[in-house]
PDB file of N, CA and C in Angstrom:
ATOM      1  N   MET A   1       0.540  -1.131   0.210  1.00  0.00           N
ATOM      2  CA  MET A   1       0.218  -0.045   0.199  1.00  0.00           C
ATOM      3  C   MET A   1       0.668   1.330   0.320  1.00  0.00           C
ATOM      4  N   THR A   2       0.618   2.344  -0.807  1.00  0.00           N
ATOM      5  CA  THR A   2       1.425   3.489  -0.832  1.00  0.00           C
ATOM      6  C   THR A   2       0.902   4.152   0.419  1.00  0.00           C
ATOM      7  N   ALA A   3       2.094   5.080   0.826  1.00  0.00           N
ATOM      8  CA  ALA A   3       1.898   6.267   2.091  1.00  0.00           C
ATOM      9  C   ALA A   3       0.501   6.878   1.634  1.00  0.00           C
ATOM     10  N   THR A   4       0.195   7.708   0.613  1.00  0.00           N
ATOM     11  CA  THR A   4      -1.273   8.202   0.123  1.00  0.00           C
ATOM     12  C   THR A   4      -2.502   7.101   0.972  1.00  0.00           C
ATOM     13  N   GLU A   5      -2.099   5.805   0.349  1.00  0.00           N
ATOM     14  CA  GLU A   5      -3.439   5.304   0.542  1.00  0.00           C
ATOM     15  C   GLU A   5      -3.364   5.157   1.929  1.00  0.00           C
ATOM     16  N   ALA A   6      -2.268   4.725   2.402  1.00  0.00           N
ATOM     17  CA  ALA A   6      -2.331   4.606   4.146  1.00  0.00           C
ATOM     18  C   ALA A   6      -3.218   5.600   4.674  1.00  0.00           C
ATOM     19  N   ARG A   7      -2.647   7.090   4.336  1.00  0.00           N
ATOM     20  CA  ARG A   7      -3.089   8.033   5.053  1.00  0.00           C
ATOM     21  C   ARG A   7      -4.621   8.181   4.597  1.00  0.00           C
ATOM     22  N   VAL A   8      -4.978   8.118   3.952  1.00  0.00           N
ATOM     23  CA  VAL A   8      -6.260   8.055   3.342  1.00  0.00           C
ATOM     24  C   VAL A   8      -7.268   7.210   4.006  1.00  0.00           C
ATOM     25  N   GLY A   9      -6.901   6.250   4.149  1.00  0.00           N
ATOM     26  CA  GLY A   9      -7.658   4.961   4.692  1.00  0.00           C
ATOM     27  C   GLY A   9      -7.065   4.137   5.932  1.00  0.00           C
ATOM     28  N   PHE A  10      -6.521   5.480   6.864  1.00  0.00           N
ATOM     29  CA  PHE A  10      -6.051   5.070   7.864  1.00  0.00           C
ATOM     30  C   PHE A  10      -6.905   3.937   8.675  1.00  0.00           C
ATOM     31  N   GLY A  11      -8.005   4.429   9.015  1.00  0.00           N
ATOM     32  CA  GLY A  11      -9.277   3.370   9.808  1.00  0.00           C
ATOM     33  C   GLY A  11      -9.143   2.190   9.209  1.00  0.00           C
ATOM     34  N   GLU A  12      -9.422   2.101   7.989  1.00  0.00           N
ATOM     35  CA  GLU A  12      -9.724   0.886   7.290  1.00  0.00           C
ATOM     36  C   GLU A  12      -8.091  -0.016   7.400  1.00  0.00           C
ATOM     37  N   MET A  13      -7.072   0.600   7.040  1.00  0.00           N
ATOM     38  CA  MET A  13      -5.636  -0.349   7.316  1.00  0.00           C
ATOM     39  C   MET A  13      -5.540  -0.573   8.837  1.00  0.00           C
ATOM     40  N   MET A  14      -6.256   0.147  10.020  1.00  0.00           N
ATOM     41  CA  MET A  14      -6.221  -0.563  11.197  1.00  0.00           C
ATOM     42  C   MET A  14      -7.098  -1.727  11.216  1.00  0.00           C
ATOM     43  N   ARG A  15      -8.236  -1.325  10.687  1.00  0.00           N
ATOM     44  CA  ARG A  15      -9.553  -2.730  11.080  1.00  0.00           C
ATOM     45  C   ARG A  15      -8.898  -3.843  10.221  1.00  0.00           C
ATOM     46  N   ARG A  16      -8.633  -3.624   8.843  1.00  0.00           N
ATOM     47  CA  ARG A  16      -7.510  -4.788   8.334  1.00  0.00           C
ATOM     48  C   ARG A  16      -6.610  -5.447   9.086  1.00  0.00           C
ATOM     49  N   ALA A  17      -5.898  -4.736   9.383  1.00  0.00           N
ATOM     50  CA  ALA A  17      -4.355  -5.187  10.632  1.00  0.00           C
ATOM     51  C   ALA A  17      -5.281  -5.969  11.698  1.00  0.00           C
ATOM     52  N   VAL A  18      -6.375  -5.707  12.400  1.00  0.00           N
ATOM     53  CA  VAL A  18      -6.761  -6.256  13.533  1.00  0.00           C
ATOM     54  C   VAL A  18      -8.156  -7.206  13.089  1.00  0.00           C
ATOM     55  N   GLU A  19      -9.157  -6.910  12.370  1.00  0.00           N
ATOM     56  CA  GLU A  19     -10.024  -7.894  12.224  1.00  0.00           C
ATOM     57  C   GLU A  19      -9.579  -8.978  11.075  1.00  0.00           C
ATOM     58  N   ARG A  20      -8.295  -8.987  10.257  1.00  0.00           N
ATOM     59  CA  ARG A  20      -8.305  -9.712   9.427  1.00  0.00           C
ATOM     60  C   ARG A  20      -7.046 -10.665   9.727  1.00  0.00           C
ATOM     61  N   ASP A  21      -6.290  -9.712  10.932  1.00  0.00           N
ATOM     62  CA  ASP A  21      -4.840 -10.170  11.038  1.00  0.00           C
ATOM     63  C   ASP A  21      -3.751 -10.071  10.022  1.00  0.00           C
ATOM     64  N   GLU A  22      -4.199  -9.083   9.245  1.00  0.00           N
ATOM     65  CA  GLU A  22      -3.011  -8.719   7.999  1.00  0.00           C
ATOM     66  C   GLU A  22      -1.735  -7.973   8.502  1.00  0.00           C
ATOM     67  N   THR A  23      -0.589  -8.454   7.805  1.00  0.00           N
ATOM     68  CA  THR A  23       0.532  -7.331   7.956  1.00  0.00           C
ATOM     69  C   THR A  23       0.483  -6.695   6.827  1.00  0.00           C
ATOM     70  N   ILE A  24       0.474  -5.457   6.944  1.00  0.00           N
ATOM     71  CA  ILE A  24       0.739  -4.155   5.624  1.00  0.00           C
ATOM     72  C   ILE A  24       1.658  -3.630   5.866  1.00  0.00           C
ATOM     73  N   ILE A  25       2.463  -3.417   4.516  1.00  0.00           N
ATOM     74  CA  ILE A  25       3.737  -2.879   4.238  1.00  0.00           C
ATOM     75  C   ILE A  25       3.220  -1.610   3.523  1.00  0.00           C
ATOM     76  N   VAL A  26       3.668  -0.400   4.252  1.00  0.00           N
ATOM     77  CA  VAL A  26       3.083   0.689   3.467  1.00  0.00           C
ATOM     78  C   VAL A  26       4.939   1.517   2.673  1.00  0.00           C
ATOM     79  N   GLU A  27       4.625   1.999   1.855  1.00  0.00           N
ATOM     80  CA  GLU A  27       5.352   2.055   0.716  1.00  0.00           C
ATOM     81  C   GLU A  27       5.482   3.654   0.560  1.00  0.00           C
ATOM     82  N   ARG A  28       6.762   3.978   0.329  1.00  0.00           N
ATOM     83  CA  ARG A  28       6.916   5.514  -0.230  1.00  0.00           C
ATOM     84  C   ARG A  28       7.940   5.655  -1.495  1.00  0.00           C
ATOM     85  N   GLY A  29       7.188   5.940  -2.504  1.00  0.00           N
ATOM     86  CA  GLY A  29       8.149   6.191  -3.791  1.00  0.00           C
ATOM     87  C   GLY A  29       8.676   4.572  -4.145  1.00  0.00           C
ATOM     88  N   GLY A  30       7.462   3.668  -3.948  1.00  0.00           N
ATOM     89  CA  GLY A  30       8.010   2.191  -4.351  1.00  0.00           C
ATOM     90  C   GLY A  30       8.967   1.480  -3.180  1.00  0.00           C
ATOM     91  N   ARG A  31       9.230   1.974  -2.440  1.00  0.00           N
ATOM     92  CA  ARG A  31      10.238   1.622  -1.049  1.00  0.00           C
ATOM     93  C   ARG A  31       9.369   1.285  -0.331  1.00  0.00           C
ATOM     94  N   PRO A  32       9.824  -0.026   0.602  1.00  0.00           N
ATOM     95  CA  PRO A  32       8.864  -0.614   1.854  1.00  0.00           C
ATOM     96  C   PRO A  32       9.351   0.420   2.722  1.00  0.00           C
ATOM     97  N   MET A  33       8.697   1.165   3.606  1.00  0.00           N
ATOM     98  CA  MET A  33       9.024   2.206   4.792  1.00  0.00           C
ATOM     99  C   MET A  33       8.586   2.027   5.954  1.00  0.00           C
ATOM    100  N   VAL A  34       7.221   0.908   6.189  1.00  0.00           N
ATOM    101  CA  VAL A  34       6.862   0.437   7.370  1.00  0.00           C
ATOM    102  C   VAL A  34       5.972  -0.894   7.376  1.00  0.00           C
ATOM    103  N   VAL A  35       5.864  -1.217   8.684  1.00  0.00           N
ATOM    104  CA  VAL A  35       4.963  -2.213   8.676  1.00  0.00           C
ATOM    105  C   VAL A  35       4.045  -2.045   9.616  1.00  0.00           C
ATOM    106  N   VAL A  36       2.431  -2.149   9.428  1.00  0.00           N
ATOM    107  CA  VAL A  36       1.565  -1.930  10.369  1.00  0.00           C
ATOM    108  C   VAL A  36       0.956  -3.482  10.631  1.00  0.00           C
ATOM    109  N   MET A  37       0.783  -3.954  11.799  1.00  0.00           N
ATOM    110  CA  MET A  37       0.778  -5.150  12.258  1.00  0.00           C
ATOM    111  C   MET A  37      -0.567  -4.670  13.671  1.00  0.00           C
ATOM    112  N   SER A  38      -1.441  -6.189  13.853  1.00  0.00           N
ATOM    113  CA  SER A  38      -2.287  -5.866  15.327  1.00  0.00           C
ATOM    114  C   SER A  38      -1.219  -5.916  16.165  1.00  0.00           C
ATOM    115  N   ILE A  39      -1.592  -5.273  17.278  1.00  0.00           N
ATOM    116  CA  ILE A  39      -0.810  -5.282  18.456  1.00  0.00           C
ATOM    117  C   ILE A  39      -0.766  -6.620  19.085  1.00  0.00           C
ATOM    118  N   GLU A  40      -1.737  -7.858  18.750  1.00  0.00           N
ATOM    119  CA  GLU A  40      -1.619  -8.990  19.226  1.00  0.00           C
ATOM    120  C   GLU A  40      -0.209  -9.836  18.772  1.00  0.00           C
ATOM    121  N   GLU A  41      -0.240  -9.177  17.055  1.00  0.00           N
ATOM    122  CA  GLU A  41       0.714  -9.751  16.337  1.00  0.00           C
ATOM    123  C   GLU A  41       2.484  -9.386  17.010  1.00  0.00           C
ATOM    124  N   TYR A  42       2.602  -7.982  17.254  1.00  0.00           N
ATOM    125  CA  TYR A  42       3.436  -7.579  17.541  1.00  0.00           C
ATOM    126  C   TYR A  42       3.829  -8.230  18.811  1.00  0.00           C
ATOM    127  N   GLU A  43       3.437  -8.136  19.555  1.00  0.00           N
ATOM    128  CA  GLU A  43       3.787  -9.010  21.013  1.00  0.00           C
ATOM    129  C   GLU A  43       4.299 -10.301  20.558  1.00  0.00           C
ATOM    130  N   ARG A  44       3.460 -11.136  19.748  1.00  0.00           N
ATOM    131  CA  ARG A  44       3.582 -12.246  19.861  1.00  0.00           C
ATOM    132  C   ARG A  44       5.140 -12.604  18.780  1.00  0.00           C
ATOM    133  N   LEU A  45       5.247 -11.537  17.979  1.00  0.00           N
ATOM    134  CA  LEU A  45       6.953 -11.553  17.551  1.00  0.00           C
ATOM    135  C   LEU A  45       7.688 -11.168  18.783  1.00  0.00           C
ATOM    136  N   SER A  46       7.340 -10.051  19.495  1.00  0.00           N
ATOM    137  CA  SER A  46       8.120  -9.825  20.604  1.00  0.00           C
ATOM    138  C   SER A  46       8.736 -10.965  21.667  1.00  0.00           C
ATOM    139  N   ASP A  47       7.920 -11.790  21.740  1.00  0.00           N
ATOM    140  CA  ASP A  47       7.661 -12.676  23.159  1.00  0.00           C
ATOM    141  C   ASP A  47       8.554 -13.945  22.201  1.00  0.00           C
ATOM    142  N   LEU A  48       8.557 -14.041  20.530  1.00  0.00           N
ATOM    143  CA  LEU A  48       9.617 -14.920  20.289  1.00  0.00           C
ATOM    144  C   LEU A  48      10.715 -14.680  20.402  1.00  0.00           C
ATOM    145  N   ALA A  49      11.030 -13.296  19.952  1.00  0.00           N
ATOM    146  CA  ALA A  49      12.236 -12.851  19.948  1.00  0.00           C
ATOM    147  C   ALA A  49      12.717 -12.937  21.390  1.00  0.00           C
ATOM    148  N   SER A  50      12.609 -12.538  22.293  1.00  0.00           N
ATOM    149  CA  SER A  50      12.694 -12.962  23.382  1.00  0.00           C
ATOM    150  C   SER A  50      13.269 -14.049  24.052  1.00  0.00           C
ATOM    151  N   GLU A  51      12.198 -15.171  23.411  1.00  0.00           N
ATOM    152  CA  GLU A  51      12.621 -16.544  23.861  1.00  0.00           C
ATOM    153  C   GLU A  51      13.455 -17.080  23.070  1.00  0.00           C
ATOM    154  N   ARG A  52      14.304 -16.194  21.934  1.00  0.00           N
ATOM    155  CA  ARG A  52      15.555 -17.039  21.160  1.00  0.00           C
ATOM    156  C   ARG A  52      16.507 -15.902  21.368  1.00  0.00           C
ATOM    157  N   GLY A  53      16.402 -15.459  22.464  1.00  0.00           N
ATOM    158  CA  GLY A  53      17.849 -14.776  23.044  1.00  0.00           C
ATOM    159  C   GLY A  53      17.481 -13.522  22.881  1.00  0.00           C
ATOM    160  N   GLY A  54      16.810 -12.710  22.201  1.00  0.00           N
ATOM    161  CA  GLY A  54      17.110 -11.013  21.831  1.00  0.00           C
ATOM    162  C   GLY A  54      16.145 -10.479  21.204  1.00  0.00           C
ATOM    163  N   ASP A  55      16.137  -9.319  20.931  1.00  0.00           N
ATOM    164  CA  ASP A  55      14.986  -8.819  19.969  1.00  0.00           C
ATOM    165  C   ASP A  55      15.716  -8.565  18.572  1.00  0.00           C
ATOM    166  N   ALA A  56      14.929  -9.426  17.915  1.00  0.00           N
ATOM    167  CA  ALA A  56      15.206  -9.751  16.467  1.00  0.00           C
ATOM    168  C   ALA A  56      14.548  -8.191  15.922  1.00  0.00           C
ATOM    169  N   LEU A  57      14.144  -7.771  16.226  1.00  0.00           N
ATOM    170  CA  LEU A  57      13.934  -6.415  15.532  1.00  0.00           C
ATOM    171  C   LEU A  57      14.814  -5.519  15.666  1.00  0.00           C
ATOM    172  N   ASP A  58      15.219  -5.600  16.907  1.00  0.00           N
ATOM    173  CA  ASP A  58      16.687  -4.900  17.133  1.00  0.00           C
ATOM    174  C   ASP A  58      18.004  -4.888  16.430  1.00  0.00           C
ATOM    175  N   ARG A  59      17.859  -6.153  16.195  1.00  0.00           N
ATOM    176  CA  ARG A  59      19.166  -6.578  15.331  1.00  0.00           C
ATOM    177  C   ARG A  59      18.887  -6.913  14.027  1.00  0.00           C
ATOM    178  N   ALA A  60      17.500  -6.609  13.658  1.00  0.00           N
ATOM    179  CA  ALA A  60      17.631  -6.421  12.138  1.00  0.00           C
ATOM    180  C   ALA A  60      17.680  -4.827  11.819  1.00  0.00           C
ATOM    181  N   ILE A  61      17.297  -4.063  12.680  1.00  0.00           N
ATOM    182  CA  ILE A  61      17.724  -2.988  12.092  1.00  0.00           C
ATOM    183  C   ILE A  61      18.597  -2.427  12.357  1.00  0.00           C
ATOM    184  N   ALA A  62      19.799  -2.879  13.154  1.00  0.00           N
ATOM    185  CA  ALA A  62      21.160  -2.777  13.233  1.00  0.00           C
ATOM    186  C   ALA A  62      21.717  -3.246  12.399  1.00  0.00           C
ATOM    187  N   LEU A  63      21.169  -4.462  11.814  1.00  0.00           N
ATOM    188  CA  LEU A  63      21.994  -4.769  10.074  1.00  0.00           C
ATOM    189  C   LEU A  63      21.738  -4.138   9.114  1.00  0.00           C
ATOM    190  N   GLY A  64      20.736  -3.593   8.974  1.00  0.00           N
ATOM    191  CA  GLY A  64      19.883  -2.772   8.169  1.00  0.00           C
ATOM    192  C   GLY A  64      21.270  -1.783   7.919  1.00  0.00           C
ATOM    193  N   ARG A  65      21.362  -0.910   9.147  1.00  0.00           N
ATOM    194  CA  ARG A  65      22.512   0.188   9.142  1.00  0.00           C
ATOM    195  C   ARG A  65      23.746  -0.257   9.032  1.00  0.00           C
ATOM    196  N   ALA A  66      24.086  -1.338   9.486  1.00  0.00           N
ATOM    197  CA  ALA A  66      25.374  -1.722   9.083  1.00  0.00           C
ATOM    198  C   ALA A  66      25.394  -1.986   7.467  1.00  0.00           C
ATOM    199  N   ILE A  67      24.557  -2.409   6.837  1.00  0.00           N
ATOM    200  CA  ILE A  67      24.454  -2.529   5.355  1.00  0.00           C
ATOM    201  C   ILE A  67      24.335  -1.430   4.632  1.00  0.00           C
ATOM    202  N   ARG A  68      23.499  -0.056   5.074  1.00  0.00           N
ATOM    203  CA  ARG A  68      23.792   0.756   4.310  1.00  0.00           C
ATOM    204  C   ARG A  68      25.141   1.827   4.435  1.00  0.00           C
ATOM    205  N   GLU A  69      25.984   1.475   5.744  1.00  0.00           N
ATOM    206  CA  GLU A  69      26.966   2.380   6.310  1.00  0.00           C
ATOM    207  C   GLU A  69      27.791   1.619   4.788  1.00  0.00           C
ATOM    208  N   ARG A  70      28.005  -0.039   4.900  1.00  0.00           N
ATOM    209  CA  ARG A  70      28.992  -0.503   3.912  1.00  0.00           C
ATOM    210  C   ARG A  70      28.796  -0.170   2.672  1.00  0.00           C
ATOM    211  N   ARG A  71      27.523   0.151   2.308  1.00  0.00           N
ATOM    212  CA  ARG A  71      27.563   0.211   0.728  1.00  0.00           C
ATOM    213  C   ARG A  71      27.527   1.671   0.615  1.00  0.00           C
ATOM    214  N   GLY A  72      27.363   2.315   1.538  1.00  0.00           N
ATOM    215  CA  GLY A  72      27.612   4.126   1.200  1.00  0.00           C
ATOM    216  C   GLY A  72      26.736   4.396   0.026  1.00  0.00           C
ATOM    217  N   THR A  73      27.440   4.713  -0.935  1.00  0.00           N
ATOM    218  CA  THR A  73      26.885   5.351  -2.310  1.00  0.00           C
ATOM    219  C   THR A  73      26.694   4.395  -3.244  1.00  0.00           C
ATOM    220  N   TYR A  74      27.411   3.298  -2.920  1.00  0.00           N
ATOM    221  CA  TYR A  74      27.114   2.062  -3.651  1.00  0.00           C
ATOM    222  C   TYR A  74      25.617   1.669  -4.505  1.00  0.00           C
ATOM    223  N   THR A  75      25.248   1.659  -5.444  1.00  0.00           N
ATOM    224  CA  THR A  75      23.976   1.451  -5.926  1.00  0.00           C
ATOM    225  C   THR A  75      23.940  -0.226  -6.685  1.00  0.00           C
ATOM    226  N   VAL A  76      23.062  -1.101  -6.407  1.00  0.00           N
ATOM    227  CA  VAL A  76      23.085  -2.069  -7.137  1.00  0.00           C
ATOM    228  C   VAL A  76      22.668  -1.984  -8.097  1.00  0.00           C
ATOM    229  N   PRO A  77      23.411  -2.463  -9.573  1.00  0.00           N
ATOM    230  CA  PRO A  77      23.103  -2.308 -10.767  1.00  0.00           C
ATOM    231  C   PRO A  77      21.575  -3.226 -11.016  1.00  0.00           C
ATOM    232  N   ALA A  78      21.107  -2.868 -12.349  1.00  0.00           N
ATOM    233  CA  ALA A  78      20.142  -3.239 -12.591  1.00  0.00           C
ATOM    234  C   ALA A  78      20.256  -5.188 -13.220  1.00  0.00           C
ATOM    235  N   SER A  79      19.377  -5.543 -12.972  1.00  0.00           N
ATOM    236  CA  SER A  79      19.409  -7.312 -13.234  1.00  0.00           C
ATOM    237  C   SER A  79      19.846  -7.557 -14.616  1.00  0.00           C
ATOM    238  N   GLU A  80      19.499  -6.437 -15.640  1.00  0.00           N
ATOM    239  CA  GLU A  80      19.645  -6.316 -17.180  1.00  0.00           C
ATOM    240  C   GLU A  80      21.025  -6.354 -17.072  1.00  0.00           C
ATOM    241  N   THR A  81      21.914  -5.363 -16.571  1.00  0.00           N
ATOM    242  CA  THR A  81      23.381  -5.110 -16.486  1.00  0.00           C
ATOM    243  C   THR A  81      24.324  -6.028 -16.518  1.00  0.00           C
ATOM    244  N   VAL A  82      24.012  -6.744 -14.955  1.00  0.00           N
ATOM    245  CA  VAL A  82      24.378  -8.035 -14.458  1.00  0.00           C
ATOM    246  C   VAL A  82      24.403  -9.364 -15.445  1.00  0.00           C
ATOM    247  N   LEU A  83      23.226  -9.501 -16.111  1.00  0.00           N
ATOM    248  CA  LEU A  83      23.056 -10.413 -16.851  1.00  0.00           C
ATOM    249  C   LEU A  83      23.730 -10.712 -17.991  1.00  0.00           C
ATOM    250  N   ASP A  84      23.723  -9.151 -18.455  1.00  0.00           N
ATOM    251  CA  ASP A  84      24.625  -8.905 -19.846  1.00  0.00           C
ATOM    252  C   ASP A  84      26.167  -9.380 -19.509  1.00  0.00           C
ATOM    253  N   GLU A  85      26.569  -8.997 -18.589  1.00  0.00           N
ATOM    254  CA  GLU A  85      28.214  -8.953 -18.420  1.00  0.00           C
ATOM    255  C   GLU A  85      28.324 -10.433 -17.899  1.00  0.00           C
ATOM    256  N   LEU A  86      27.524 -11.164 -16.977  1.00  0.00           N
ATOM    257  CA  LEU A  86      27.825 -12.614 -17.359  1.00  0.00           C
ATOM    258  C   LEU A  86      27.908 -13.562 -18.305  1.00  0.00           C
ATOM    259  N   ARG A  87      26.845 -13.305 -19.174  1.00  0.00           N
ATOM    260  CA  ARG A  87      26.929 -13.534 -20.663  1.00  0.00           C
ATOM    261  C   ARG A  87      27.635 -13.271 -21.475  1.00  0.00           C
ATOM    262  N   GLY A  88      28.700 -12.145 -20.965  1.00  0.00           N
ATOM    263  CA  GLY A  88      29.911 -11.935 -22.042  1.00  0.00           C
ATOM    264  C   GLY A  88      30.802 -12.481 -21.558  1.00  0.00           C
ATOM    265  N   GLU A  89      31.006 -13.005 -20.319  1.00  0.00           N
ATOM    266  CA  GLU A  89      32.124 -13.543 -19.726  1.00  0.00           C
ATOM    267  C   GLU A  89      32.364 -14.887 -20.111  1.00  0.00           C
ATOM    268  N   ARG A  90      30.610 -15.496 -20.139  1.00  0.00           N
ATOM    269  CA  ARG A  90      30.470 -16.691 -20.248  1.00  0.00           C
ATOM    270  C   ARG A  90      30.670 -17.215 -22.191  1.00  0.00           C
ATOM    271  N   ASP A  91      30.024 -16.000 -22.802  1.00  0.00           N
ATOM    272  CA  ASP A  91      31.201 -16.121 -24.094  1.00  0.00           C
ATOM    273  C   ASP A  91      32.209 -15.900 -24.231  1.00  0.00           C
ATOM    274  N   ALA A  92      33.033 -15.230 -23.742  1.00  0.00           N
ATOM    275  CA  ALA A  92      34.586 -15.290 -23.699  1.00  0.00           C
ATOM    276  C   ALA A  92      35.277 -16.448 -23.201  1.00  0.00           C
ATOM    277  N   GLU A  93      34.734 -17.047 -22.468  1.00  0.00           N
ATOM    278  CA  GLU A  93      35.111 -18.380 -21.896  1.00  0.00           C
ATOM    279  C   GLU A  93      35.031 -19.246 -22.929  1.00  0.00           C
ATOM    280  N   LEU A  94      34.055 -19.721 -23.270  1.00  0.00           N
ATOM    281  CA  LEU A  94      33.616 -20.538 -24.666  1.00  0.00           C
ATOM    282  C   LEU A  94      34.337 -20.144 -25.977  1.00  0.00           C
ATOM    283  N   ASP A  95      34.541 -18.906 -26.301  1.00  0.00           N
ATOM    284  CA  ASP A  95      35.566 -18.603 -27.342  1.00  0.00           C
ATOM    285  C   ASP A  95      36.616 -19.168 -27.087  1.00  0.00           C
ATOM    286  N   ASP A  96      37.320 -19.072 -25.582  1.00  0.00           N
ATOM    287  CA  ASP A  96      38.754 -19.683 -25.490  1.00  0.00           C
ATOM    288  C   ASP A  96      38.921 -21.270 -25.886  1.00  0.00           C
ATOM    289  N   LEU A  97      37.737 -21.678 -25.147  1.00  0.00           N
ATOM    290  CA  LEU A  97      37.753 -23.453 -25.407  1.00  0.00           C
ATOM    291  C   LEU A  97      37.621 -23.704 -27.156  1.00  0.00           C
ATOM    292  N   ARG A  98      37.402 -22.717 -28.338  1.00  0.00           N
ATOM    293  CA  ARG A  98      37.317 -23.376 -29.085  1.00  0.00           C
ATOM    294  C   ARG A  98      38.517 -23.043 -30.326  1.00  0.00           C
TER     295      ARG A  98
END
């Protein structure tokens, strides 16, 4: 759901999360930004994380920050670009075998 849809339909979004037990991801500019879920589901996940020896959410957030720091300004190339490069390398290797 987009951020605009979430803002306009906030009450409906809350109802879906509670009554239908849906987990709703809200995006901005096509990127996931937040998750909306019922308090029961949140508490269940929090309890599960505690049973496993720590807060999984905190670890996930820390991992995300570490990845962004390491990545810096590096952007992930488009899949087509990667495939073209791999095909070029493969073709060069095949030419060497001939």
